[in-house]
C-alpha atoms as a PDB file:
ATOM      1  CA  UNK A   1       6.947  16.499 -42.372  1.00  0.00           C
ATOM      2  CA  UNK A   2       8.218  13.468 -41.232  1.00  0.00           C
ATOM      3  CA  UNK A   3       6.242  11.859 -38.244  1.00  0.00           C
ATOM      4  CA  UNK A   4       8.080  11.361 -34.709  1.00  0.00           C
ATOM      5  CA  UNK A   5       7.693   8.978 -32.051  1.00  0.00           C
ATOM      6  CA  UNK A   6       5.163  11.306 -30.422  1.00  0.00           C
ATOM      7  CA  UNK A   7       2.900  12.351 -33.327  1.00  0.00           C
ATOM      8  CA  UNK A   8      -0.639  10.795 -32.819  1.00  0.00           C
ATOM      9  CA  UNK A   9      -0.658   9.931 -36.781  1.00  0.00           C
ATOM     10  CA  UNK A  10       1.532   9.190 -39.851  1.00  0.00           C
ATOM     11  CA  UNK A  11       1.244  12.371 -41.485  1.00  0.00           C
ATOM     12  CA  UNK A  12       1.875  14.333 -37.958  1.00  0.00           C
ATOM     13  CA  UNK A  13      -1.612  15.419 -37.545  1.00  0.00           C
ATOM     14  CA  UNK A  14      -3.351  15.148 -33.919  1.00  0.00           C
ATOM     15  CA  UNK A  15      -6.375  12.492 -34.088  1.00  0.00           C
ATOM     16  CA  UNK A  16      -9.327  12.867 -32.407  1.00  0.00           C
ATOM     17  CA  UNK A  17      -9.011  13.062 -28.747  1.00  0.00           C
ATOM     18  CA  UNK A  18     -10.894  10.589 -27.678  1.00  0.00           C
ATOM     19  CA  UNK A  19     -12.515  10.516 -23.874  1.00  0.00           C
ATOM     20  CA  UNK A  20      -9.697   8.300 -21.026  1.00  0.00           C
ATOM     21  CA  UNK A  21     -11.738   6.658 -17.918  1.00  0.00           C
ATOM     22  CA  UNK A  22     -12.548  10.738 -16.305  1.00  0.00           C
ATOM     23  CA  UNK A  23     -14.051  11.660 -19.392  1.00  0.00           C
ATOM     24  CA  UNK A  24     -11.596  14.017 -20.217  1.00  0.00           C
ATOM     25  CA  UNK A  25      -9.744  14.272 -23.729  1.00  0.00           C
ATOM     26  CA  UNK A  26      -6.590  11.811 -24.615  1.00  0.00           C
ATOM     27  CA  UNK A  27      -4.740  12.320 -26.588  1.00  0.00           C
ATOM     28  CA  UNK A  28      -0.589  11.123 -27.384  1.00  0.00           C
ATOM     29  CA  UNK A  29      -0.141  14.996 -27.294  1.00  0.00           C
ATOM     30  CA  UNK A  30      -1.519  15.527 -23.825  1.00  0.00           C
ATOM     31  CA  UNK A  31      -0.290  12.239 -22.236  1.00  0.00           C
ATOM     32  CA  UNK A  32       2.980  14.368 -22.304  1.00  0.00           C
ATOM     33  CA  UNK A  33       2.139  17.073 -20.438  1.00  0.00           C
ATOM     34  CA  UNK A  34       0.238  15.476 -18.054  1.00  0.00           C
ATOM     35  CA  UNK A  35       0.386  16.619 -14.199  1.00  0.00           C
ATOM     36  CA  UNK A  36       3.904  15.826 -12.821  1.00  0.00           C
ATOM     37  CA  UNK A  37       3.140  12.428 -10.217  1.00  0.00           C
ATOM     38  CA  UNK A  38       4.116  14.522  -6.487  1.00  0.00           C
ATOM     39  CA  UNK A  39       3.534  11.841  -3.680  1.00  0.00           C
ATOM     40  CA  UNK A  40       4.717   9.495  -0.641  1.00  0.00           C
ATOM     41  CA  UNK A  41       4.251   6.306   0.368  1.00  0.00           C
ATOM     42  CA  UNK A  42       1.974   5.264   3.657  1.00  0.00           C
ATOM     43  CA  UNK A  43       3.435   2.670   4.577  1.00  0.00           C
ATOM     44  CA  UNK A  44       3.472   0.664   7.520  1.00  0.00           C
ATOM     45  CA  UNK A  45      -0.118   1.409   7.785  1.00  0.00           C
ATOM     46  CA  UNK A  46      -1.940  -1.774   6.281  1.00  0.00           C
ATOM     47  CA  UNK A  47       1.078  -3.725   6.654  1.00  0.00           C
ATOM     48  CA  UNK A  48       3.338  -2.970   9.775  1.00  0.00           C
ATOM     49  CA  UNK A  49       7.174  -2.790  10.272  1.00  0.00           C
ATOM     50  CA  UNK A  50       8.996  -2.643  13.158  1.00  0.00           C
ATOM     51  CA  UNK A  51      10.990   0.627  11.535  1.00  0.00           C
ATOM     52  CA  UNK A  52       7.825   2.397  10.321  1.00  0.00           C
ATOM     53  CA  UNK A  53       6.048   2.056  14.031  1.00  0.00           C
ATOM     54  CA  UNK A  54       8.379   0.833  16.050  1.00  0.00           C
ATOM     55  CA  UNK A  55       5.782   1.362  19.306  1.00  0.00           C
ATOM     56  CA  UNK A  56       3.542  -1.888  18.416  1.00  0.00           C
ATOM     57  CA  UNK A  57       7.292  -3.825  18.630  1.00  0.00           C
ATOM     58  CA  UNK A  58       8.224  -2.464  21.612  1.00  0.00           C
ATOM     59  CA  UNK A  59       6.600  -4.910  23.849  1.00  0.00           C
ATOM     60  CA  UNK A  60       8.857  -7.711  22.830  1.00  0.00           C
ATOM     61  CA  UNK A  61      11.850  -5.955  23.925  1.00  0.00           C
ATOM     62  CA  UNK A  62      11.764  -7.825  27.360  1.00  0.00           C
ATOM     63  CA  UNK A  63      12.394 -11.516  25.076  1.00  0.00           C
ATOM     64  CA  UNK A  64      16.378 -12.200  25.936  1.00  0.00           C
ATOM     65  CA  UNK A  65      17.151 -14.107  22.737  1.00  0.00           C
ATOM     66  CA  UNK A  66      16.674 -11.241  19.895  1.00  0.00           C
ATOM     67  CA  UNK A  67      16.015 -13.998  17.559  1.00  0.00           C
ATOM     68  CA  UNK A  68      12.949 -14.635  18.994  1.00  0.00           C
ATOM     69  CA  UNK A  69      11.861 -11.367  18.773  1.00  0.00           C
ATOM     70  CA  UNK A  70       9.000 -10.552  16.570  1.00  0.00           C
ATOM     71  CA  UNK A  71      10.254  -9.251  13.250  1.00  0.00           C
ATOM     72  CA  UNK A  72       6.826  -8.716  10.769  1.00  0.00           C
ATOM     73  CA  UNK A  73       3.480  -8.746  10.980  1.00  0.00           C
ATOM     74  CA  UNK A  74       3.218 -13.051  11.021  1.00  0.00           C
ATOM     75  CA  UNK A  75       5.477 -13.062  14.335  1.00  0.00           C
ATOM     76  CA  UNK A  76       3.660 -10.411  15.674  1.00  0.00           C
ATOM     77  CA  UNK A  77       0.313 -11.629  15.194  1.00  0.00           C
ATOM     78  CA  UNK A  78       1.942 -15.090  16.312  1.00  0.00           C
ATOM     79  CA  UNK A  79       3.331 -13.789  19.035  1.00  0.00           C
ATOM     80  CA  UNK A  80      -0.002 -12.118  20.293  1.00  0.00           C
ATOM     81  CA  UNK A  81      -2.349 -14.236  19.314  1.00  0.00           C
ATOM     82  CA  UNK A  82      -5.500 -13.362  17.464  1.00  0.00           C
ATOM     83  CA  UNK A  83      -7.282 -11.078  19.370  1.00  0.00           C
ATOM     84  CA  UNK A  84      -4.644  -9.372  21.041  1.00  0.00           C
ATOM     85  CA  UNK A  85      -3.491  -8.908  17.520  1.00  0.00           C
ATOM     86  CA  UNK A  86      -6.751  -7.458  15.815  1.00  0.00           C
ATOM     87  CA  UNK A  87      -7.285  -5.489  19.114  1.00  0.00           C
ATOM     88  CA  UNK A  88      -3.229  -3.824  18.380  1.00  0.00           C
ATOM     89  CA  UNK A  89      -4.192  -3.276  14.924  1.00  0.00           C
ATOM     90  CA  UNK A  90      -6.931  -2.092  15.393  1.00  0.00           C
ATOM     91  CA  UNK A  91      -6.028   1.187  17.384  1.00  0.00           C
ATOM     92  CA  UNK A  92      -3.441   1.415  14.612  1.00  0.00           C
ATOM     93  CA  UNK A  93      -5.742   1.634  11.842  1.00  0.00           C
ATOM     94  CA  UNK A  94      -7.346   3.436  13.549  1.00  0.00           C
ATOM     95  CA  UNK A  95      -5.248   6.295  14.319  1.00  0.00           C
ATOM     96  CA  UNK A  96      -1.926   5.682  12.498  1.00  0.00           C
ATOM     97  CA  UNK A  97      -2.977   8.520   9.190  1.00  0.00           C
ATOM     98  CA  UNK A  98      -5.799  10.822   9.723  1.00  0.00           C
ATOM     99  CA  UNK A  99      -7.647  12.970   7.599  1.00  0.00           C
ATOM    100  CA  UNK A 100      -5.596  15.939   8.658  1.00  0.00           C
ATOM    101  CA  UNK A 101      -2.113  14.039   7.596  1.00  0.00           C
ATOM    102  CA  UNK A 102      -4.015  13.663   4.023  1.00  0.00           C
ATOM    103  CA  UNK A 103      -5.004  17.254   4.399  1.00  0.00           C
ATOM    104  CA  UNK A 104      -1.493  18.408   5.022  1.00  0.00           C
ATOM    105  CA  UNK A 105      -0.036  16.647   2.348  1.00  0.00           C
ATOM    106  CA  UNK A 106      -2.413  17.800  -0.312  1.00  0.00           C
ATOM    107  CA  UNK A 107      -1.432  21.615   1.267  1.00  0.00           C
ATOM    108  CA  UNK A 108       2.252  20.980   0.602  1.00  0.00           C
ATOM    109  CA  UNK A 109       1.688  19.815  -2.623  1.00  0.00           C
ATOM    110  CA  UNK A 110       1.634  15.638  -2.861  1.00  0.00           C
ATOM    111  CA  UNK A 111      -1.343  14.699  -5.289  1.00  0.00           C
ATOM    112  CA  UNK A 112      -0.804  10.778  -5.164  1.00  0.00           C
ATOM    113  CA  UNK A 113       0.014   8.885  -2.294  1.00  0.00           C
ATOM    114  CA  UNK A 114       0.562   4.776  -2.367  1.00  0.00           C
ATOM    115  CA  UNK A 115      -0.604   2.827   0.047  1.00  0.00           C
ATOM    116  CA  UNK A 116       1.048  -0.406   0.794  1.00  0.00           C
ATOM    117  CA  UNK A 117      -1.288  -3.688   2.312  1.00  0.00           C
ATOM    118  CA  UNK A 118      -1.089  -7.004   2.812  1.00  0.00           C
ATOM    119  CA  UNK A 119      -2.992 -10.008   0.654  1.00  0.00           C
ATOM    120  CA  UNK A 120      -4.321 -11.112   4.451  1.00  0.00           C
ATOM    121  CA  UNK A 121      -6.320  -7.877   4.245  1.00  0.00           C
ATOM    122  CA  UNK A 122      -8.793  -9.854   1.348  1.00  0.00           C
ATOM    123  CA  UNK A 123      -7.828 -13.480   1.455  1.00  0.00           C
ATOM    124  CA  UNK A 124      -6.994 -14.205   5.325  1.00  0.00           C
ATOM    125  CA  UNK A 125      -6.712 -18.567   5.239  1.00  0.00           C
ATOM    126  CA  UNK A 126      -7.027 -20.223   8.971  1.00  0.00           C
ATOM    127  CA  UNK A 127      -3.761 -21.886   9.508  1.00  0.00           C
ATOM    128  CA  UNK A 128      -2.101 -18.154   9.540  1.00  0.00           C
ATOM    129  CA  UNK A 129      -1.346 -16.113  12.319  1.00  0.00           C
ATOM    130  CA  UNK A 130      -2.141 -12.504  10.193  1.00  0.00           C
ATOM    131  CA  UNK A 131      -5.232 -11.108  10.831  1.00  0.00           C
ATOM    132  CA  UNK A 132      -7.956  -9.577   8.573  1.00  0.00           C
ATOM    133  CA  UNK A 133     -10.151  -6.244   9.526  1.00  0.00           C
ATOM    134  CA  UNK A 134      -8.177  -3.331   7.216  1.00  0.00           C
ATOM    135  CA  UNK A 135     -11.015  -2.680   4.530  1.00  0.00           C
ATOM    136  CA  UNK A 136     -12.972  -0.491   6.974  1.00  0.00           C
ATOM    137  CA  UNK A 137     -10.222   1.633   7.226  1.00  0.00           C
ATOM    138  CA  UNK A 138      -8.827   1.291   3.775  1.00  0.00           C
ATOM    139  CA  UNK A 139     -12.479   2.811   2.235  1.00  0.00           C
ATOM    140  CA  UNK A 140     -12.063   5.168   5.070  1.00  0.00           C
ATOM    141  CA  UNK A 141      -8.846   6.329   4.044  1.00  0.00           C
ATOM    142  CA  UNK A 142      -9.460   5.918   0.025  1.00  0.00           C
ATOM    143  CA  UNK A 143     -12.658   8.633   1.063  1.00  0.00           C
ATOM    144  CA  UNK A 144     -11.330  11.572   2.461  1.00  0.00           C
ATOM    145  CA  UNK A 145      -8.335  11.332  -0.169  1.00  0.00           C
ATOM    146  CA  UNK A 146     -10.783  11.604  -3.111  1.00  0.00           C
ATOM    147  CA  UNK A 147     -12.656  14.364  -0.633  1.00  0.00           C
ATOM    148  CA  UNK A 148      -8.750  16.109  -0.655  1.00  0.00           C
ATOM    149  CA  UNK A 149      -8.855  15.139  -4.500  1.00  0.00           C
ATOM    150  CA  UNK A 150      -5.879  12.855  -3.885  1.00  0.00           C
ATOM    151  CA  UNK A 151      -4.932  10.051  -6.697  1.00  0.00           C
ATOM    152  CA  UNK A 152      -4.495   6.694  -4.879  1.00  0.00           C
ATOM    153  CA  UNK A 153      -2.087   3.279  -5.752  1.00  0.00           C
ATOM    154  CA  UNK A 154      -3.086   0.612  -3.779  1.00  0.00           C
ATOM    155  CA  UNK A 155       0.024  -1.737  -3.492  1.00  0.00           C
ATOM    156  CA  UNK A 156       0.067  -5.685  -3.009  1.00  0.00           C
ATOM    157  CA  UNK A 157       2.961  -5.403  -1.146  1.00  0.00           C
ATOM    158  CA  UNK A 158       2.363  -8.682   0.833  1.00  0.00           C
ATOM    159  CA  UNK A 159       2.186 -12.030  -1.560  1.00  0.00           C
ATOM    160  CA  UNK A 160       1.392 -15.029  -0.519  1.00  0.00           C
ATOM    161  CA  UNK A 161       4.429 -17.105   0.633  1.00  0.00           C
ATOM    162  CA  UNK A 162       6.246 -14.028   1.060  1.00  0.00           C
ATOM    163  CA  UNK A 163       8.177 -12.253  -2.631  1.00  0.00           C
ATOM    164  CA  UNK A 164      11.130 -11.121  -0.921  1.00  0.00           C
ATOM    165  CA  UNK A 165      11.858 -12.220   2.311  1.00  0.00           C
ATOM    166  CA  UNK A 166      11.673  -8.989   4.027  1.00  0.00           C
ATOM    167  CA  UNK A 167       9.657  -7.582   6.754  1.00  0.00           C
ATOM    168  CA  UNK A 168       8.475  -5.696   4.419  1.00  0.00           C
ATOM    169  CA  UNK A 169       6.469  -8.345   2.483  1.00  0.00           C
ATOM    170  CA  UNK A 170       4.759  -9.305   6.687  1.00  0.00           C
ATOM    171  CA  UNK A 171       6.769 -12.626   6.959  1.00  0.00           C
ATOM    172  CA  UNK A 172      10.526 -12.690   7.464  1.00  0.00           C
ATOM    173  CA  UNK A 173      12.260 -15.206   5.704  1.00  0.00           C
ATOM    174  CA  UNK A 174      12.724 -17.308   2.796  1.00  0.00           C
ATOM    175  CA  UNK A 175      10.477 -16.727   0.084  1.00  0.00           C
ATOM    176  CA  UNK A 176       7.914 -19.244  -0.557  1.00  0.00           C
ATOM    177  CA  UNK A 177       5.003 -17.700  -2.937  1.00  0.00           C
ATOM    178  CA  UNK A 178       6.609 -19.428  -5.780  1.00  0.00           C
ATOM    179  CA  UNK A 179       6.574 -23.427  -3.852  1.00  0.00           C
ATOM    180  CA  UNK A 180       3.301 -23.420  -3.162  1.00  0.00           C
ATOM    181  CA  UNK A 181       0.501 -23.755  -6.563  1.00  0.00           C
ATOM    182  CA  UNK A 182      -1.955 -21.693  -3.835  1.00  0.00           C
ATOM    183  CA  UNK A 183      -0.304 -18.556  -4.440  1.00  0.00           C
END
C-alpha cells in the first residue's frame, strides 16, 4: 500500500500516539478529526473602535470639525486625558463583555473566542496618550472562558506605531511600526 500525505509512517502504519500539550494522544490521523472551531471575535473590548462601541465616541459629536473628532483609541485618550480616559475605559472593560455573554455564546455552540488587544496593555510608554489597566479585566475574561470551556485566542491587534493605519490598530494614520527600531 502506498503511503499517503496523512499516513504517520512510510509503510502506512499509524505511529504510536504521543501526548499533545493538553495530555491527549496526538497522531497525524486524529489531527484531522479534531472538533471544528466555532468562534467569534470579541472586538472592541480592549481595543476600542467607534463602529463597535459608538457610545464611547458620541461625547465628541459636538466638535464641529469632523476631522478633529477622536476616531481611535489614541485620539480618544488624547482628547480626554489619561485620568478621564482610564475612568471611562475601566467602566467599559468592566461591563462590555460579561460572564453571561460568554455563557450564552457557549450555549449556542461557540467554542472559541478571539480577543483583540493593543500592545499598550502590556508595554505603555509615557509619551503616548494610551492608558493601561486592561490586564485584570483580561485575566477575569480568561478565567470565565476557562470555567465555561471556551478556547481563547488573545490577538495582539494593535502594534507599536500602528501596523495598518486603521482605527482597529489603535491609531489611524500612516503606519509607522517599521520606521522605528524600538518597535
